[in-house]
């Protein structure tokens, strides 16, 4: 049954070399292996497979998010590494310091070099 099987996230990349530089040097992920022209990372015990595709960055929705303990600290750290956060006009109001608070969470969104929308989020 699928409910008992591990699930793996995918991150599409138009330029795998450029994307790896962002994820490894800016975000700080460590590759766990390479497969089919892509790379496998592990985040919090969950595998993420970044793979080459011309369809990277075409989704208007978030691709993935990291559940963190302190979203403000993560935002500050990522900004210090050069990550630029998105600012959205949300029905719940304006964002404060690149962070939105709504629905029981604080969340901040950013795009990777491939145009994928990613986030860091803290449950409240």
N, C-alpha and C. Protein backbone atom coordinates (compact mmCIF):
# COMPACT_ATOMS: atom_id res chain seq x y z
N UNK A 1 0.83 -1.18 0.00
CA UNK A 1 0.00 0.00 0.00
C UNK A 1 0.88 1.25 0.00
N UNK A 2 0.46 2.25 -0.71
CA UNK A 2 1.23 3.48 -0.80
C UNK A 2 1.38 4.18 0.55
N UNK A 3 0.40 4.05 1.42
CA UNK A 3 0.49 4.71 2.72
C UNK A 3 1.66 4.21 3.55
N UNK A 4 2.19 3.04 3.22
CA UNK A 4 3.32 2.47 3.95
C UNK A 4 4.64 2.63 3.22
N UNK A 5 4.60 3.17 2.00
CA UNK A 5 5.81 3.32 1.19
C UNK A 5 6.39 4.72 1.37
N UNK A 6 7.71 4.84 1.41
CA UNK A 6 8.32 6.18 1.49
C UNK A 6 7.99 6.98 0.23
N UNK A 7 7.84 8.27 0.41
CA UNK A 7 7.58 9.16 -0.73
C UNK A 7 8.81 10.04 -0.93
N UNK A 8 9.11 10.34 -2.16
CA UNK A 8 10.29 11.13 -2.49
C UNK A 8 9.85 12.37 -3.26
N UNK A 9 10.38 13.51 -2.89
CA UNK A 9 10.07 14.76 -3.59
C UNK A 9 10.95 14.92 -4.82
N UNK A 10 10.44 15.64 -5.81
CA UNK A 10 11.18 15.95 -7.02
C UNK A 10 11.36 17.45 -7.13
N UNK A 11 12.54 17.87 -7.59
CA UNK A 11 12.77 19.27 -7.91
C UNK A 11 13.32 19.32 -9.33
N UNK A 12 12.57 19.92 -10.24
CA UNK A 12 13.02 20.01 -11.64
C UNK A 12 14.09 21.07 -11.82
N UNK A 13 15.02 20.81 -12.72
CA UNK A 13 16.10 21.77 -13.00
C UNK A 13 16.34 21.86 -14.50
N UNK A 14 16.30 23.08 -15.01
CA UNK A 14 16.63 23.31 -16.42
C UNK A 14 18.13 23.15 -16.62
N UNK A 15 18.92 23.70 -15.71
CA UNK A 15 20.38 23.63 -15.76
C UNK A 15 20.86 22.99 -14.47
N UNK A 16 21.16 21.70 -14.52
CA UNK A 16 21.49 20.94 -13.32
C UNK A 16 22.77 21.45 -12.65
N UNK A 17 23.73 21.93 -13.41
CA UNK A 17 24.97 22.45 -12.83
C UNK A 17 24.68 23.72 -12.03
N UNK A 18 23.93 24.62 -12.62
CA UNK A 18 23.56 25.86 -11.93
C UNK A 18 22.71 25.56 -10.69
N UNK A 19 21.75 24.66 -10.83
CA UNK A 19 20.87 24.31 -9.71
C UNK A 19 21.66 23.66 -8.57
N UNK A 20 22.59 22.78 -8.90
CA UNK A 20 23.40 22.14 -7.86
C UNK A 20 24.22 23.17 -7.09
N UNK A 21 24.75 24.14 -7.81
CA UNK A 21 25.53 25.18 -7.14
C UNK A 21 24.65 25.92 -6.14
N UNK A 22 23.42 26.26 -6.51
CA UNK A 22 22.49 26.94 -5.61
C UNK A 22 22.17 26.06 -4.40
N UNK A 23 21.76 24.83 -4.65
CA UNK A 23 21.33 23.97 -3.54
C UNK A 23 22.48 23.56 -2.63
N UNK A 24 23.64 23.37 -3.19
CA UNK A 24 24.77 22.93 -2.38
C UNK A 24 25.54 24.08 -1.75
N UNK A 25 25.81 25.14 -2.51
CA UNK A 25 26.63 26.23 -1.99
C UNK A 25 25.83 27.31 -1.28
N UNK A 26 24.61 27.56 -1.71
CA UNK A 26 23.80 28.60 -1.09
C UNK A 26 22.90 28.02 0.00
N UNK A 27 22.13 27.02 -0.34
CA UNK A 27 21.20 26.41 0.63
C UNK A 27 21.95 25.52 1.62
N UNK A 28 23.01 24.84 1.16
CA UNK A 28 23.80 24.01 2.06
C UNK A 28 23.46 22.53 2.08
N UNK A 29 22.76 22.05 1.04
CA UNK A 29 22.46 20.62 0.98
C UNK A 29 23.68 19.83 0.55
N UNK A 30 23.76 18.60 1.02
CA UNK A 30 24.87 17.71 0.66
C UNK A 30 24.33 16.59 -0.23
N UNK A 31 24.95 16.37 -1.40
CA UNK A 31 24.47 15.29 -2.27
C UNK A 31 24.70 13.93 -1.62
N UNK A 32 23.71 13.05 -1.78
CA UNK A 32 23.80 11.68 -1.27
C UNK A 32 24.09 10.70 -2.39
N UNK A 33 23.92 11.14 -3.63
CA UNK A 33 24.19 10.27 -4.76
C UNK A 33 23.71 10.92 -6.04
N UNK A 34 24.13 10.35 -7.15
CA UNK A 34 23.71 10.82 -8.47
C UNK A 34 23.00 9.69 -9.18
N UNK A 35 22.00 10.07 -9.98
CA UNK A 35 21.20 9.06 -10.65
C UNK A 35 20.56 9.68 -11.89
N UNK A 36 20.66 9.03 -13.01
CA UNK A 36 19.97 9.43 -14.25
C UNK A 36 20.16 10.91 -14.60
N UNK A 37 21.36 11.42 -14.40
CA UNK A 37 21.65 12.80 -14.73
C UNK A 37 21.25 13.80 -13.66
N UNK A 38 20.67 13.30 -12.57
CA UNK A 38 20.24 14.17 -11.48
C UNK A 38 21.02 13.87 -10.21
N UNK A 39 20.56 14.45 -9.12
CA UNK A 39 21.25 14.29 -7.83
C UNK A 39 20.21 14.07 -6.73
N UNK A 40 20.58 13.23 -5.77
CA UNK A 40 19.71 12.95 -4.63
C UNK A 40 20.26 13.67 -3.40
N UNK A 41 19.37 14.39 -2.70
CA UNK A 41 19.70 15.02 -1.43
C UNK A 41 18.82 14.37 -0.37
N UNK A 42 19.19 14.54 0.87
CA UNK A 42 18.34 14.08 1.97
C UNK A 42 18.15 15.24 2.93
N UNK A 43 16.90 15.52 3.24
CA UNK A 43 16.55 16.63 4.14
C UNK A 43 15.63 16.07 5.22
N UNK A 44 16.10 16.06 6.45
CA UNK A 44 15.27 15.60 7.55
C UNK A 44 14.80 14.17 7.39
N UNK A 45 15.61 13.33 6.78
CA UNK A 45 15.25 11.92 6.59
C UNK A 45 14.43 11.64 5.34
N UNK A 46 14.12 12.67 4.56
CA UNK A 46 13.34 12.50 3.32
C UNK A 46 14.25 12.77 2.13
N UNK A 47 14.16 11.91 1.15
CA UNK A 47 14.98 12.08 -0.06
C UNK A 47 14.33 13.05 -1.03
N UNK A 48 15.17 13.84 -1.68
CA UNK A 48 14.75 14.79 -2.70
C UNK A 48 15.59 14.51 -3.94
N UNK A 49 14.95 14.34 -5.07
CA UNK A 49 15.65 14.06 -6.31
C UNK A 49 15.52 15.27 -7.23
N UNK A 50 16.64 15.89 -7.54
CA UNK A 50 16.67 16.99 -8.51
C UNK A 50 17.06 16.39 -9.86
N UNK A 51 16.25 16.66 -10.86
CA UNK A 51 16.47 16.04 -12.16
C UNK A 51 16.39 17.06 -13.29
N UNK A 52 17.10 16.82 -14.37
CA UNK A 52 17.07 17.76 -15.49
C UNK A 52 15.78 17.62 -16.30
N UNK A 53 15.18 18.77 -16.61
CA UNK A 53 13.97 18.79 -17.43
C UNK A 53 13.76 20.21 -17.98
N UNK A 54 13.24 20.32 -19.19
CA UNK A 54 12.95 21.64 -19.73
C UNK A 54 11.72 22.28 -19.07
N UNK A 55 11.01 21.55 -18.23
CA UNK A 55 9.78 22.05 -17.59
C UNK A 55 10.01 22.71 -16.24
N UNK A 56 11.26 22.86 -15.82
CA UNK A 56 11.55 23.47 -14.53
C UNK A 56 11.00 24.89 -14.47
N UNK A 57 10.51 25.26 -13.29
CA UNK A 57 10.06 26.63 -13.07
C UNK A 57 8.73 26.98 -13.70
N UNK A 58 8.00 26.00 -14.22
CA UNK A 58 6.74 26.31 -14.89
C UNK A 58 5.54 26.28 -13.95
N UNK A 59 5.69 25.73 -12.76
CA UNK A 59 4.58 25.69 -11.81
C UNK A 59 4.44 27.04 -11.11
N UNK A 60 3.22 27.48 -10.94
CA UNK A 60 2.93 28.73 -10.23
C UNK A 60 2.71 28.46 -8.74
N UNK A 61 2.76 27.20 -8.35
CA UNK A 61 2.56 26.81 -6.96
C UNK A 61 3.89 26.41 -6.33
N UNK A 62 3.90 26.35 -5.02
CA UNK A 62 5.11 25.94 -4.31
C UNK A 62 5.48 24.51 -4.68
N UNK A 63 6.76 24.29 -4.92
CA UNK A 63 7.28 22.99 -5.29
C UNK A 63 7.49 22.13 -4.04
N UNK A 64 8.00 22.77 -2.98
CA UNK A 64 8.31 22.06 -1.73
C UNK A 64 8.53 23.08 -0.63
N UNK A 65 8.48 22.62 0.62
CA UNK A 65 8.83 23.51 1.72
C UNK A 65 9.56 22.71 2.80
N UNK A 66 10.40 23.43 3.51
CA UNK A 66 11.09 22.86 4.66
C UNK A 66 10.31 23.27 5.90
N UNK A 67 9.96 22.31 6.75
CA UNK A 67 9.31 22.63 8.02
C UNK A 67 10.41 22.91 9.03
N UNK A 68 10.47 24.14 9.52
CA UNK A 68 11.56 24.58 10.40
C UNK A 68 11.00 24.99 11.76
N UNK A 69 11.88 25.09 12.74
CA UNK A 69 11.48 25.48 14.10
C UNK A 69 11.36 26.99 14.25
N UNK A 70 12.17 27.76 13.49
CA UNK A 70 12.20 29.22 13.62
C UNK A 70 12.33 29.83 12.23
N UNK A 71 11.20 30.20 11.64
CA UNK A 71 11.20 30.70 10.26
C UNK A 71 11.99 32.00 10.14
N UNK A 72 11.90 32.89 11.13
CA UNK A 72 12.63 34.15 11.04
C UNK A 72 14.14 33.91 10.99
N UNK A 73 14.63 32.98 11.79
CA UNK A 73 16.06 32.65 11.79
C UNK A 73 16.48 32.05 10.45
N UNK A 74 15.65 31.19 9.89
CA UNK A 74 15.97 30.59 8.58
C UNK A 74 15.98 31.64 7.49
N UNK A 75 15.01 32.55 7.52
CA UNK A 75 14.96 33.62 6.52
C UNK A 75 16.21 34.48 6.62
N UNK A 76 16.58 34.86 7.84
CA UNK A 76 17.77 35.69 8.03
C UNK A 76 19.02 34.98 7.52
N UNK A 77 19.15 33.69 7.83
CA UNK A 77 20.31 32.92 7.38
C UNK A 77 20.35 32.83 5.86
N UNK A 78 19.23 32.50 5.25
CA UNK A 78 19.19 32.38 3.80
C UNK A 78 19.43 33.71 3.11
N UNK A 79 18.87 34.80 3.66
CA UNK A 79 19.14 36.13 3.09
C UNK A 79 20.63 36.45 3.16
N UNK A 80 21.29 36.07 4.26
CA UNK A 80 22.73 36.33 4.39
C UNK A 80 23.53 35.55 3.35
N UNK A 81 22.94 34.48 2.81
CA UNK A 81 23.59 33.67 1.78
C UNK A 81 23.21 34.11 0.37
N UNK A 82 22.39 35.18 0.29
CA UNK A 82 22.03 35.72 -1.01
C UNK A 82 20.67 35.30 -1.55
N UNK A 83 19.89 34.56 -0.77
CA UNK A 83 18.56 34.15 -1.24
C UNK A 83 17.62 35.35 -1.17
N UNK A 84 16.87 35.55 -2.25
CA UNK A 84 15.90 36.64 -2.31
C UNK A 84 14.50 36.05 -2.11
N UNK A 85 13.79 36.60 -1.17
CA UNK A 85 12.45 36.10 -0.84
C UNK A 85 11.38 36.84 -1.62
N UNK A 86 10.31 36.14 -1.89
CA UNK A 86 9.16 36.68 -2.61
C UNK A 86 8.31 37.50 -1.64
N UNK A 87 7.66 38.50 -2.17
CA UNK A 87 6.71 39.30 -1.39
C UNK A 87 5.37 39.20 -2.10
N UNK A 88 4.38 38.65 -1.42
CA UNK A 88 3.06 38.45 -2.01
C UNK A 88 2.03 39.31 -1.31
N UNK A 89 1.03 39.76 -2.08
CA UNK A 89 -0.16 40.38 -1.50
C UNK A 89 -1.11 39.23 -1.21
N UNK A 90 -1.34 38.99 0.07
CA UNK A 90 -2.16 37.86 0.48
C UNK A 90 -3.49 38.34 1.05
N UNK A 91 -4.52 37.52 0.96
CA UNK A 91 -5.81 37.89 1.54
C UNK A 91 -5.72 38.15 3.05
N UNK A 92 -4.74 37.55 3.70
CA UNK A 92 -4.59 37.71 5.16
C UNK A 92 -3.83 38.98 5.52
N UNK A 93 -3.36 39.72 4.54
CA UNK A 93 -2.65 40.96 4.81
C UNK A 93 -1.25 40.96 4.26
N UNK A 94 -0.53 42.03 4.56
CA UNK A 94 0.84 42.18 4.06
C UNK A 94 1.80 41.27 4.82
N UNK A 95 2.84 40.89 4.12
CA UNK A 95 3.89 40.08 4.73
C UNK A 95 4.78 41.00 5.58
N UNK A 96 5.36 40.45 6.62
CA UNK A 96 6.27 41.19 7.48
C UNK A 96 7.62 40.49 7.46
N UNK A 97 8.66 41.23 7.05
CA UNK A 97 10.01 40.67 6.95
C UNK A 97 10.02 39.40 6.09
N UNK A 98 9.33 39.45 4.96
CA UNK A 98 9.26 38.36 3.99
C UNK A 98 8.48 37.16 4.49
N UNK A 99 7.73 37.31 5.58
CA UNK A 99 7.03 36.19 6.19
C UNK A 99 5.54 36.47 6.30
N UNK A 100 4.72 35.47 5.98
CA UNK A 100 3.28 35.56 6.14
C UNK A 100 2.85 34.67 7.29
N UNK A 101 1.92 35.16 8.07
CA UNK A 101 1.37 34.36 9.17
C UNK A 101 -0.10 34.14 8.89
N UNK A 102 -0.47 32.88 8.70
CA UNK A 102 -1.86 32.52 8.42
C UNK A 102 -2.02 31.01 8.50
N UNK A 103 -3.22 30.57 8.77
CA UNK A 103 -3.52 29.14 8.74
C UNK A 103 -2.71 28.31 9.71
N UNK A 104 -2.27 28.91 10.80
CA UNK A 104 -1.52 28.16 11.80
C UNK A 104 -0.05 28.01 11.50
N UNK A 105 0.48 28.84 10.59
CA UNK A 105 1.90 28.75 10.24
C UNK A 105 2.46 30.11 9.86
N UNK A 106 3.78 30.23 10.00
CA UNK A 106 4.54 31.36 9.45
C UNK A 106 5.31 30.79 8.28
N UNK A 107 5.22 31.44 7.12
CA UNK A 107 5.84 30.90 5.91
C UNK A 107 6.50 32.01 5.12
N UNK A 108 7.64 31.69 4.51
CA UNK A 108 8.36 32.60 3.62
C UNK A 108 8.74 31.84 2.36
N UNK A 109 8.51 32.46 1.20
CA UNK A 109 8.75 31.81 -0.09
C UNK A 109 9.93 32.43 -0.82
N UNK A 110 10.64 31.59 -1.57
CA UNK A 110 11.72 32.06 -2.43
C UNK A 110 11.78 31.18 -3.67
N UNK A 111 12.47 31.67 -4.69
CA UNK A 111 12.66 30.89 -5.91
C UNK A 111 14.10 30.43 -6.01
N UNK A 112 14.28 29.23 -6.54
CA UNK A 112 15.64 28.76 -6.80
C UNK A 112 16.10 29.30 -8.16
N UNK A 113 17.27 28.91 -8.59
CA UNK A 113 17.82 29.40 -9.86
C UNK A 113 17.02 28.91 -11.06
N UNK A 114 16.19 27.90 -10.86
CA UNK A 114 15.42 27.31 -11.95
C UNK A 114 14.00 27.87 -12.04
N UNK A 115 13.66 28.78 -11.12
CA UNK A 115 12.33 29.37 -11.10
C UNK A 115 11.31 28.61 -10.28
N UNK A 116 11.74 27.55 -9.59
CA UNK A 116 10.84 26.79 -8.72
C UNK A 116 10.56 27.60 -7.45
N UNK A 117 9.32 27.58 -7.01
CA UNK A 117 8.94 28.26 -5.77
C UNK A 117 9.09 27.28 -4.61
N UNK A 118 9.87 27.69 -3.63
CA UNK A 118 10.13 26.87 -2.43
C UNK A 118 9.80 27.71 -1.21
N UNK A 119 9.72 27.09 -0.05
CA UNK A 119 9.36 27.83 1.15
C UNK A 119 10.01 27.22 2.38
N UNK A 120 10.09 28.06 3.41
CA UNK A 120 10.39 27.59 4.76
C UNK A 120 9.15 27.93 5.58
N UNK A 121 8.72 27.01 6.43
CA UNK A 121 7.47 27.20 7.15
C UNK A 121 7.60 26.69 8.58
N UNK A 122 6.96 27.41 9.49
CA UNK A 122 6.97 27.05 10.92
C UNK A 122 5.53 26.93 11.39
N UNK A 123 5.19 25.79 11.93
CA UNK A 123 3.86 25.62 12.50
C UNK A 123 3.77 26.39 13.80
N UNK A 124 2.63 26.99 14.04
CA UNK A 124 2.43 27.76 15.27
C UNK A 124 1.60 26.96 16.26
